[in-house]
Amino acid sequence: MIFFSIGLPSRFSQLCDMLILRLAEHAFGSVELAPFNSFDDIAKATMRGNTVHFVSASRQPAVRLQTEIVEAGRPFVAALGDVRSALHDLLRRPGCDLATAASELASSCSAMLTLTKAPGALVLPGTYGCDPHELGTAIAAHLGLPVGTNEIAAVADSLLDVAAAAASDPADAGELSTRQQAIVDGLLQPYVSYFAGGDLEVMVWEPDLFFLADERTGTHRRATVGPVDVTGRARNLLFGPYINLAPGPWSATVAIAFSAETAGNSFVIEVAAGRRLALERVQPIGEQVIETNLQFTIENSIDQPVEIRIASERAAFDGRLALGYASLAPRAAFRVKSHEELIESLRQ
């Protein structure tokens, strides 16, 4: 049996993981904690594991796995917590920069859009805060774990230090530079507003989140704000940021500035998630900014994060481009099943 503990990458989610694990151990004996984010993860763990019971500490579950969890209708825990606290927790991880932390957190937030609305979800903290006794009681009841009051109290008492850490204050926004704050606001503020009861606003992927291909070394690195040299053979120039999006129809607008030397060359802008989802070509006629709109749909079968690729189609002797931003918004007016219906109409 798998008990899913799905949440943001935070100390609060770790508290929920440990509560479920120790309560399940009281109920079933041997239980293994594992990070299941895809069906491949589950298959590998079940084949190699020494137990039939697992607690899945899922932080970025693929869309396909999300869909199966919702459709199964079984109870699970959705540890939402606080987005700002989760970012603070990630930045405390050794070697984790802001772009990496914000991207990872955005993928988790995307999953929570779907999973917090599922009928089997126990969304935490709710009214329980970080009190391990209250949380443990609610979790045991929701998951149907056969544990008594004394066992719940013993588990909760053993996790008081973990609960105290989870309840600590989030990072002060003043610790971020203006540029860093722009990255956070564009990527995470739409989710903060949504989880507070608002609508899902337009998301902005800043250039800092993307990767720059290095033709000389065959490696890649984080891009920075500024121009990218397009000189050389046809190739991928920028790509990323590999962030999950919720299922459904989406619209992306990619703004790119081209130098005069790129006139007559052709560039491809592509959205992909393991496979191509949308593609547009642009051909600058001089120094100009081109905004390209791409329409695509995240289907329930998707099991890869989303990336945007910008590539040159022909060799260039000179020229530069600069990515301004990529903005993304759900297309709520388009029916999700319309794509399937249209494809089916071709076969009639």
Protein backbone atom coordinates (compact mmCIF):
# COMPACT_ATOMS: atom_id res chain seq x y z
CA MET A 1 0.00 0.00 0.00
CA ILE A 2 1.20 3.52 -0.80
CA PHE A 3 0.30 6.49 1.40
CA PHE A 4 0.85 9.68 -0.59
CA SER A 5 2.23 12.73 1.21
CA ILE A 6 2.28 15.37 -1.51
CA GLY A 7 3.46 18.86 -0.71
CA LEU A 8 5.71 21.82 -1.31
CA PRO A 9 9.43 21.23 -0.68
CA SER A 10 9.37 22.55 2.88
CA ARG A 11 9.95 21.59 6.48
CA PHE A 12 6.18 21.49 6.96
CA SER A 13 5.90 18.78 4.29
CA GLN A 14 8.72 16.87 5.98
CA LEU A 15 6.74 17.01 9.22
CA CYS A 16 3.72 15.51 7.46
CA ASP A 17 5.94 12.84 5.86
CA MET A 18 7.32 11.80 9.24
CA LEU A 19 3.90 11.77 10.90
CA ILE A 20 2.50 9.48 8.22
CA LEU A 21 5.59 7.25 8.27
CA ARG A 22 5.62 6.72 12.03
CA LEU A 23 1.85 6.29 12.28
CA ALA A 24 1.97 3.74 9.46
CA GLU A 25 4.83 1.92 11.20
CA HIS A 26 2.67 1.59 14.31
CA ALA A 27 -0.11 0.16 12.15
CA PHE A 28 1.80 -2.08 9.73
CA GLY A 29 5.35 -2.55 10.98
CA SER A 30 7.82 -2.19 8.11
CA VAL A 31 7.16 0.96 6.04
CA GLU A 32 9.57 2.69 3.63
CA LEU A 33 9.72 6.43 2.88
CA ALA A 34 10.39 7.12 -0.82
CA PRO A 35 10.20 10.14 -3.18
CA PHE A 36 7.62 9.01 -5.76
CA ASN A 37 7.11 11.61 -8.50
CA SER A 38 6.41 9.28 -11.44
CA PHE A 39 5.27 5.76 -12.21
CA ASP A 40 8.90 4.85 -12.91
CA ASP A 41 9.79 5.84 -9.34
CA ILE A 42 7.04 3.60 -7.99
CA ALA A 43 8.02 0.66 -10.17
CA LYS A 44 11.70 0.84 -9.17
CA ALA A 45 10.93 1.10 -5.45
CA THR A 46 8.43 -1.75 -5.39
CA MET A 47 10.83 -4.04 -7.26
CA ARG A 48 13.83 -3.24 -5.06
CA GLY A 49 12.10 -2.60 -1.72
CA ASN A 50 11.85 -4.98 1.22
CA THR A 51 8.33 -3.95 2.19
CA VAL A 52 4.87 -3.74 0.68
CA HIS A 53 4.04 -0.48 2.46
CA PHE A 54 5.38 2.91 1.35
CA VAL A 55 4.97 6.56 2.27
CA SER A 56 5.47 8.62 -0.87
CA ALA A 57 7.11 11.98 -0.17
CA SER A 58 6.09 13.54 -3.50
CA ARG A 59 7.25 17.09 -4.20
CA GLN A 60 6.95 17.36 -7.99
CA PRO A 61 4.56 14.60 -9.09
CA ALA A 62 4.23 14.33 -12.86
CA VAL A 63 0.88 15.23 -14.39
CA ARG A 64 0.21 11.60 -15.26
CA LEU A 65 0.72 10.53 -11.63
CA GLN A 66 -1.45 13.42 -10.40
CA THR A 67 -4.23 12.27 -12.70
CA GLU A 68 -4.11 8.69 -11.44
CA ILE A 69 -4.11 9.82 -7.80
CA VAL A 70 -7.19 11.98 -8.37
CA GLU A 71 -9.05 9.34 -10.36
CA ALA A 72 -8.28 6.61 -7.81
CA GLY A 73 -10.26 8.58 -5.24
CA ARG A 74 -8.20 7.23 -2.34
CA PRO A 75 -7.35 9.49 0.62
CA PHE A 76 -3.99 11.26 0.59
CA VAL A 77 -2.32 14.23 2.28
CA ALA A 78 -1.72 17.52 0.46
CA ALA A 79 0.76 19.50 2.57
CA LEU A 80 0.33 22.99 1.17
CA GLY A 81 1.84 25.07 3.92
CA ASP A 82 3.25 28.50 3.04
CA VAL A 83 4.93 29.18 -0.32
CA ARG A 84 7.32 31.79 1.12
CA SER A 85 8.40 29.46 3.91
CA ALA A 86 9.01 26.72 1.36
CA LEU A 87 11.27 29.05 -0.68
CA HIS A 88 13.19 29.93 2.46
CA ASP A 89 13.65 26.24 3.27
CA LEU A 90 14.96 25.48 -0.22
CA LEU A 91 17.45 28.36 -0.12
CA ARG A 92 18.92 26.88 3.05
CA ARG A 93 19.87 23.77 1.08
CA PRO A 94 23.63 23.74 0.25
CA GLY A 95 24.35 24.82 -3.32
CA CYS A 96 20.75 25.74 -4.14
CA ASP A 97 20.54 29.09 -5.95
CA LEU A 98 17.40 31.19 -6.25
CA ALA A 99 16.58 30.21 -9.84
CA THR A 100 16.80 26.51 -9.00
CA ALA A 101 14.79 26.89 -5.79
CA ALA A 102 12.06 29.00 -7.41
CA SER A 103 11.74 26.61 -10.37
CA GLU A 104 11.48 23.57 -8.12
CA LEU A 105 8.91 25.29 -5.93
CA ALA A 106 6.84 26.41 -8.93
CA SER A 107 6.61 22.80 -10.13
CA SER A 108 5.32 21.78 -6.71
CA CYS A 109 2.80 24.63 -6.67
CA SER A 110 1.54 23.53 -10.07
CA ALA A 111 0.79 20.04 -8.74
CA MET A 112 -1.04 21.50 -5.77
CA LEU A 113 -3.40 23.37 -8.10
CA THR A 114 -4.82 20.01 -9.13
CA LEU A 115 -4.38 17.95 -6.00
CA THR A 116 -5.78 20.35 -3.41
CA LYS A 117 -9.11 20.19 -5.27
CA ALA A 118 -9.23 16.37 -5.36
CA PRO A 119 -11.99 14.72 -3.28
CA GLY A 120 -9.46 12.46 -1.53
CA ALA A 121 -7.18 15.29 -0.36
CA LEU A 122 -6.64 16.32 3.23
CA VAL A 123 -5.25 19.83 2.68
CA LEU A 124 -2.92 20.88 5.48
CA PRO A 125 -2.24 22.78 7.64
CA GLY A 126 -5.91 23.84 7.56
CA THR A 127 -6.93 24.72 11.10
CA TYR A 128 -4.27 22.49 12.64
CA GLY A 129 -1.23 24.72 12.17
CA CYS A 130 2.03 22.90 12.90
CA ASP A 131 0.75 21.14 16.03
CA PRO A 132 1.91 17.52 15.57
CA HIS A 133 -0.83 16.21 17.87
CA GLU A 134 -3.61 17.89 15.87
CA LEU A 135 -1.99 16.99 12.56
CA GLY A 136 -1.39 13.38 13.59
CA THR A 137 -4.99 12.91 14.68
CA ALA A 138 -6.33 14.38 11.44
CA ILE A 139 -3.94 12.35 9.27
CA ALA A 140 -4.66 9.05 11.01
CA ALA A 141 -8.41 9.56 10.67
CA HIS A 142 -8.23 10.63 7.02
CA LEU A 143 -5.95 7.78 5.92
CA GLY A 144 -7.85 5.24 8.01
CA LEU A 145 -4.76 4.15 9.94
CA PRO A 146 -5.63 1.76 12.79
CA VAL A 147 -3.77 3.59 15.57
CA GLY A 148 -5.03 4.66 18.97
CA THR A 149 -4.90 7.96 20.80
CA ASN A 150 -1.86 6.96 22.87
CA GLU A 151 0.09 5.92 19.77
CA ILE A 152 -0.73 9.20 18.03
CA ALA A 153 0.42 11.14 21.08
CA ALA A 154 3.69 9.19 21.25
CA VAL A 155 4.41 9.84 17.56
CA ALA A 156 3.57 13.53 17.93
CA ASP A 157 5.81 13.91 20.98
CA SER A 158 8.71 12.37 19.06
CA LEU A 159 8.39 15.04 16.37
CA LEU A 160 8.12 18.19 18.49
CA ASP A 161 11.50 19.49 17.28
CA VAL A 162 10.54 18.91 13.62
CA ALA A 163 7.25 20.73 14.22
CA ALA A 164 9.02 23.67 15.86
CA ALA A 165 11.31 24.02 12.84
CA ALA A 166 8.33 23.88 10.47
CA ALA A 167 6.61 26.66 12.39
CA SER A 168 9.55 29.08 12.14
CA ASP A 169 9.06 32.40 10.34
CA PRO A 170 9.56 32.57 6.54
CA ALA A 171 12.40 34.50 4.95
CA ASP A 172 12.19 38.27 4.85
CA ALA A 173 11.58 39.47 1.28
CA GLY A 174 14.13 42.20 1.98
CA GLU A 175 16.90 39.58 1.75
CA LEU A 176 16.38 39.39 -2.02
CA SER A 177 17.81 41.79 -4.57
CA THR A 178 15.49 43.64 -6.94
CA ARG A 179 16.34 41.18 -9.72
CA GLN A 180 15.76 38.17 -7.48
CA GLN A 181 12.45 39.58 -6.28
CA ALA A 182 11.32 39.94 -9.90
CA ILE A 183 12.05 36.25 -10.48
CA VAL A 184 10.10 35.24 -7.37
CA ASP A 185 7.16 37.54 -8.10
CA GLY A 186 6.79 36.38 -11.68
CA LEU A 187 7.11 32.70 -10.91
CA LEU A 188 5.54 32.25 -7.48
CA GLN A 189 3.26 35.21 -6.68
CA PRO A 190 0.47 33.89 -8.97
CA TYR A 191 0.36 30.73 -6.85
CA VAL A 192 0.45 32.69 -3.59
CA SER A 193 -2.55 34.72 -4.76
CA TYR A 194 -4.40 31.62 -5.95
CA PHE A 195 -3.90 29.68 -2.71
CA ALA A 196 -5.13 32.76 -0.83
CA GLY A 197 -8.44 32.51 -2.70
CA GLY A 198 -7.78 34.62 -5.81
CA ASP A 199 -7.57 33.77 -9.49
CA LEU A 200 -4.47 32.28 -11.08
CA GLU A 201 -2.69 35.29 -12.53
CA VAL A 202 -0.28 35.40 -15.46
CA MET A 203 3.05 33.75 -14.69
CA VAL A 204 6.33 35.21 -15.94
CA TRP A 205 9.43 33.16 -16.59
CA GLU A 206 12.37 35.57 -16.42
CA PRO A 207 15.54 35.00 -18.53
CA ASP A 208 17.46 34.03 -15.38
CA LEU A 209 15.50 30.76 -15.26
CA PHE A 210 16.70 29.58 -18.67
CA PHE A 211 19.86 27.78 -19.74
CA LEU A 212 22.39 28.98 -22.30
CA ALA A 213 23.98 26.43 -24.63
CA ASP A 214 27.76 26.67 -24.99
CA GLU A 215 28.71 25.56 -28.51
CA ARG A 216 32.42 25.33 -27.73
CA THR A 217 32.21 22.99 -24.74
CA GLY A 218 28.90 21.25 -25.44
CA THR A 219 27.72 22.17 -21.95
CA HIS A 220 25.07 24.55 -20.65
CA ARG A 221 24.76 27.05 -17.85
CA ARG A 222 22.23 29.41 -16.37
CA ALA A 223 21.52 32.33 -18.66
CA THR A 224 21.81 35.90 -17.47
CA VAL A 225 19.89 38.97 -18.51
CA GLY A 226 21.46 40.31 -21.68
CA PRO A 227 22.32 39.38 -25.26
CA VAL A 228 23.08 35.91 -26.59
CA ASP A 229 25.51 35.57 -29.51
CA VAL A 230 23.86 33.68 -32.39
CA THR A 231 27.10 33.42 -34.41
CA GLY A 232 27.89 29.89 -35.53
CA ARG A 233 26.01 26.87 -36.75
CA ALA A 234 22.26 26.36 -36.37
CA ARG A 235 21.62 25.26 -32.78
CA ASN A 236 19.60 25.63 -29.61
CA LEU A 237 20.43 29.00 -28.07
CA LEU A 238 18.30 29.14 -24.94
CA PHE A 239 16.16 26.49 -23.28
CA GLY A 240 14.38 25.81 -20.01
CA PRO A 241 13.24 26.27 -17.34
CA TYR A 242 11.79 22.72 -16.94
CA ILE A 243 8.80 23.60 -14.76
CA ASN A 244 5.60 21.60 -14.39
CA LEU A 245 2.31 23.18 -15.42
CA ALA A 246 -1.18 22.10 -14.44
CA PRO A 247 -3.20 20.05 -16.95
CA GLY A 248 -5.28 22.00 -19.43
CA PRO A 249 -4.93 24.52 -22.27
CA TRP A 250 -2.26 27.22 -21.96
CA SER A 251 -1.07 30.29 -23.83
CA ALA A 252 2.56 31.42 -23.79
CA THR A 253 3.94 34.74 -25.02
CA VAL A 254 7.70 34.88 -25.62
CA ALA A 255 9.31 38.32 -26.09
CA ILE A 256 12.70 38.39 -27.83
CA ALA A 257 14.83 41.31 -29.03
CA PHE A 258 16.86 40.75 -32.21
CA SER A 259 19.84 42.79 -33.41
CA ALA A 260 19.97 44.22 -36.94
CA GLU A 261 22.50 41.56 -38.00
CA THR A 262 19.91 38.79 -37.54
CA ALA A 263 17.76 40.14 -40.39
CA GLY A 264 16.90 37.40 -42.84
CA ASN A 265 17.75 34.60 -40.45
CA SER A 266 15.08 32.26 -39.13
CA PHE A 267 14.51 31.25 -35.51
CA VAL A 268 12.30 28.59 -33.96
CA ILE A 269 10.46 29.01 -30.67
CA GLU A 270 9.16 25.74 -29.31
CA VAL A 271 7.25 24.52 -26.25
CA ALA A 272 7.97 20.94 -25.23
CA ALA A 273 7.35 18.52 -22.37
CA GLY A 274 9.12 15.35 -23.38
CA ARG A 275 7.61 15.92 -26.82
CA ARG A 276 6.77 18.97 -28.90
CA LEU A 277 3.63 20.84 -27.81
CA ALA A 278 3.83 23.97 -29.98
CA LEU A 279 6.19 25.61 -32.47
CA GLU A 280 6.42 28.99 -34.20
CA ARG A 281 9.01 30.49 -36.56
CA VAL A 282 10.09 34.12 -36.60
CA GLN A 283 12.23 35.99 -39.13
CA PRO A 284 13.51 39.39 -37.99
CA ILE A 285 13.67 42.14 -40.61
CA GLY A 286 16.05 44.29 -38.58
CA GLU A 287 16.58 45.42 -35.02
CA GLN A 288 13.24 44.72 -33.38
CA VAL A 289 11.36 43.04 -30.55
CA ILE A 290 9.08 40.18 -31.57
CA GLU A 291 6.39 38.78 -29.30
CA THR A 292 5.40 35.25 -30.27
CA ASN A 293 2.25 33.55 -29.00
CA LEU A 294 2.13 29.77 -28.65
CA GLN A 295 -1.00 27.79 -27.80
CA PHE A 296 -0.59 24.36 -26.25
CA THR A 297 -2.28 21.84 -23.98
CA ILE A 298 -0.87 19.90 -21.04
CA GLU A 299 -2.59 16.54 -21.37
CA ASN A 300 -3.09 14.12 -18.48
CA SER A 301 -0.54 11.74 -20.00
CA ILE A 302 2.35 14.24 -19.74
CA ASP A 303 5.12 13.04 -17.43
CA GLN A 304 7.85 15.63 -18.16
CA PRO A 305 8.27 19.29 -17.11
CA VAL A 306 7.76 22.10 -19.61
CA GLU A 307 10.55 23.86 -21.45
CA ILE A 308 10.72 26.62 -24.04
CA ARG A 309 13.47 26.35 -26.66
CA ILE A 310 14.82 29.14 -28.83
CA ALA A 311 16.96 27.93 -31.73
CA SER A 312 18.55 29.33 -34.88
CA GLU A 313 17.66 27.47 -38.09
CA ARG A 314 20.64 28.56 -40.19
CA ALA A 315 24.30 29.32 -39.61
CA ALA A 316 24.97 32.96 -38.74
CA PHE A 317 28.08 35.11 -39.14
CA ASP A 318 26.90 37.80 -36.76
CA GLY A 319 23.99 38.82 -34.59
CA ARG A 320 22.57 38.74 -31.08
CA LEU A 321 19.25 38.17 -29.41
CA ALA A 322 17.99 38.87 -25.91
CA LEU A 323 15.12 37.08 -24.20
CA GLY A 324 12.84 39.54 -22.46
CA TYR A 325 10.43 37.14 -20.78
CA ALA A 326 8.01 34.28 -21.31
CA SER A 327 4.54 34.82 -19.86
CA LEU A 328 2.10 31.96 -19.39
CA ALA A 329 -1.61 31.89 -18.64
CA PRO A 330 -4.28 29.18 -18.69
CA ARG A 331 -6.81 29.45 -21.51
CA ALA A 332 -9.90 28.94 -19.40
CA ALA A 333 -12.29 29.62 -22.26
CA PHE A 334 -11.12 26.59 -24.26
CA ARG A 335 -12.70 23.25 -23.38
CA VAL A 336 -10.07 20.72 -22.28
CA LYS A 337 -11.69 17.87 -24.24
CA SER A 338 -11.91 19.86 -27.46
CA HIS A 339 -8.56 18.54 -28.74
CA GLU A 340 -9.67 14.92 -28.37
CA GLU A 341 -13.04 15.68 -29.96
CA LEU A 342 -11.41 17.36 -32.96
CA ILE A 343 -8.99 14.48 -33.50
CA GLU A 344 -11.88 12.02 -33.28
CA SER A 345 -13.81 13.99 -35.89
CA LEU A 346 -10.98 13.38 -38.38
CA ARG A 347 -11.56 9.64 -38.11
CA GLN A 348 -15.28 9.73 -38.81
